[in-house]
Amino acid sequence: MAVRPLVFGARFKQSGRTVRVQAKAGSSQRYVVEVERSGGRPRRREHGSLIGALSDFASAWRARLH
């Protein structure tokens, strides 16, 4: 039986701010969170687990309120 990595991704966008989480290319156990603002460079953070990546994704999205 073949083992396939979880394919997962999410993107939230509002008022020129985009937050993404996706599986890292070439690695089945790494995830990347990317935060972009219009006119700025994207910030990328890598995580070793999906739980850590989703937690970072949620806190980055909530940070837009402050």
C-alpha atoms as a PDB file:
ATOM      1  CA  MET A   1       0.000   0.000   0.000  1.00  0.00           C
ATOM      2  CA  ALA A   2       1.341   3.437  -0.919  1.00  0.00           C
ATOM      3  CA  VAL A   3       1.619   6.181   1.669  1.00  0.00           C
ATOM      4  CA  ARG A   4       0.669   9.647   0.426  1.00  0.00           C
ATOM      5  CA  PRO A   5       1.241  12.907   2.298  1.00  0.00           C
ATOM      6  CA  LEU A   6      -1.681  15.030   3.408  1.00  0.00           C
ATOM      7  CA  VAL A   7      -2.370  17.712   0.838  1.00  0.00           C
ATOM      8  CA  PHE A   8      -3.589  20.764   2.690  1.00  0.00           C
ATOM      9  CA  GLY A   9      -3.827  24.479   2.107  1.00  0.00           C
ATOM     10  CA  ALA A  10      -5.820  27.510   3.205  1.00  0.00           C
ATOM     11  CA  ARG A  11      -5.820  31.169   2.252  1.00  0.00           C
ATOM     12  CA  PHE A  12      -7.600  34.079   3.907  1.00  0.00           C
ATOM     13  CA  LYS A  13      -7.560  37.497   2.253  1.00  0.00           C
ATOM     14  CA  GLN A  14      -8.917  40.842   3.420  1.00  0.00           C
ATOM     15  CA  SER A  15      -8.003  44.475   2.721  1.00  0.00           C
ATOM     16  CA  GLY A  16      -4.654  43.782   1.084  1.00  0.00           C
ATOM     17  CA  ARG A  17      -3.544  41.230   3.680  1.00  0.00           C
ATOM     18  CA  THR A  18      -3.230  37.553   2.761  1.00  0.00           C
ATOM     19  CA  VAL A  19      -2.414  34.688   5.113  1.00  0.00           C
ATOM     20  CA  ARG A  20      -1.673  31.239   3.620  1.00  0.00           C
ATOM     21  CA  VAL A  21      -0.799  27.835   4.997  1.00  0.00           C
ATOM     22  CA  GLN A  22       0.293  25.027   2.686  1.00  0.00           C
ATOM     23  CA  ALA A  23       2.371  21.880   2.620  1.00  0.00           C
ATOM     24  CA  LYS A  24       6.010  22.548   1.794  1.00  0.00           C
ATOM     25  CA  ALA A  25       6.984  21.359  -1.670  1.00  0.00           C
ATOM     26  CA  GLY A  26       9.080  18.214  -1.536  1.00  0.00           C
ATOM     27  CA  SER A  27       8.353  17.436   2.107  1.00  0.00           C
ATOM     28  CA  SER A  28       5.334  15.568   3.399  1.00  0.00           C
ATOM     29  CA  GLN A  29       5.794  16.585   7.046  1.00  0.00           C
ATOM     30  CA  ARG A  30       6.584  20.312   6.764  1.00  0.00           C
ATOM     31  CA  TYR A  31       4.142  23.218   6.426  1.00  0.00           C
ATOM     32  CA  VAL A  32       4.697  26.871   5.500  1.00  0.00           C
ATOM     33  CA  VAL A  33       2.728  29.880   6.772  1.00  0.00           C
ATOM     34  CA  GLU A  34       3.059  32.996   4.613  1.00  0.00           C
ATOM     35  CA  VAL A  35       1.791  36.457   5.553  1.00  0.00           C
ATOM     36  CA  GLU A  36       1.635  39.112   2.816  1.00  0.00           C
ATOM     37  CA  ARG A  37       0.659  42.753   3.030  1.00  0.00           C
ATOM     38  CA  SER A  38       0.147  44.951   0.008  1.00  0.00           C
ATOM     39  CA  GLY A  39       3.388  46.732  -0.793  1.00  0.00           C
ATOM     40  CA  GLY A  40       5.492  44.608   1.562  1.00  0.00           C
ATOM     41  CA  ARG A  41       7.623  41.496   1.403  1.00  0.00           C
ATOM     42  CA  PRO A  42       5.938  38.233   2.409  1.00  0.00           C
ATOM     43  CA  ARG A  43       7.002  36.668   5.713  1.00  0.00           C
ATOM     44  CA  ARG A  44       7.378  32.871   5.644  1.00  0.00           C
ATOM     45  CA  ARG A  45       7.584  30.546   8.635  1.00  0.00           C
ATOM     46  CA  GLU A  46       8.072  26.780   8.485  1.00  0.00           C
ATOM     47  CA  HIS A  47       6.516  24.309  10.902  1.00  0.00           C
ATOM     48  CA  GLY A  48       7.123  20.626  11.511  1.00  0.00           C
ATOM     49  CA  SER A  49       3.500  19.818  12.260  1.00  0.00           C
ATOM     50  CA  LEU A  50       0.104  20.741  10.880  1.00  0.00           C
ATOM     51  CA  ILE A  51      -1.102  21.733  14.358  1.00  0.00           C
ATOM     52  CA  GLY A  52       1.740  24.236  14.757  1.00  0.00           C
ATOM     53  CA  ALA A  53       1.145  25.664  11.293  1.00  0.00           C
ATOM     54  CA  LEU A  54      -2.591  26.087  11.882  1.00  0.00           C
ATOM     55  CA  SER A  55      -1.965  27.735  15.247  1.00  0.00           C
ATOM     56  CA  ASP A  56       0.436  30.211  13.610  1.00  0.00           C
ATOM     57  CA  PHE A  57      -2.050  30.757  10.748  1.00  0.00           C
ATOM     58  CA  ALA A  58      -4.835  31.583  13.224  1.00  0.00           C
ATOM     59  CA  SER A  59      -2.709  33.969  15.294  1.00  0.00           C
ATOM     60  CA  ALA A  60      -1.454  35.736  12.139  1.00  0.00           C
ATOM     61  CA  TRP A  61      -5.029  36.166  10.938  1.00  0.00           C
ATOM     62  CA  ARG A  62      -6.193  37.494  14.310  1.00  0.00           C
ATOM     63  CA  ALA A  63      -3.255  39.943  14.345  1.00  0.00           C
ATOM     64  CA  ARG A  64      -4.937  41.894  11.529  1.00  0.00           C
ATOM     65  CA  LEU A  65      -7.448  43.170  14.126  1.00  0.00           C
ATOM     66  CA  HIS A  66      -4.775  45.046  16.105  1.00  0.00           C
END
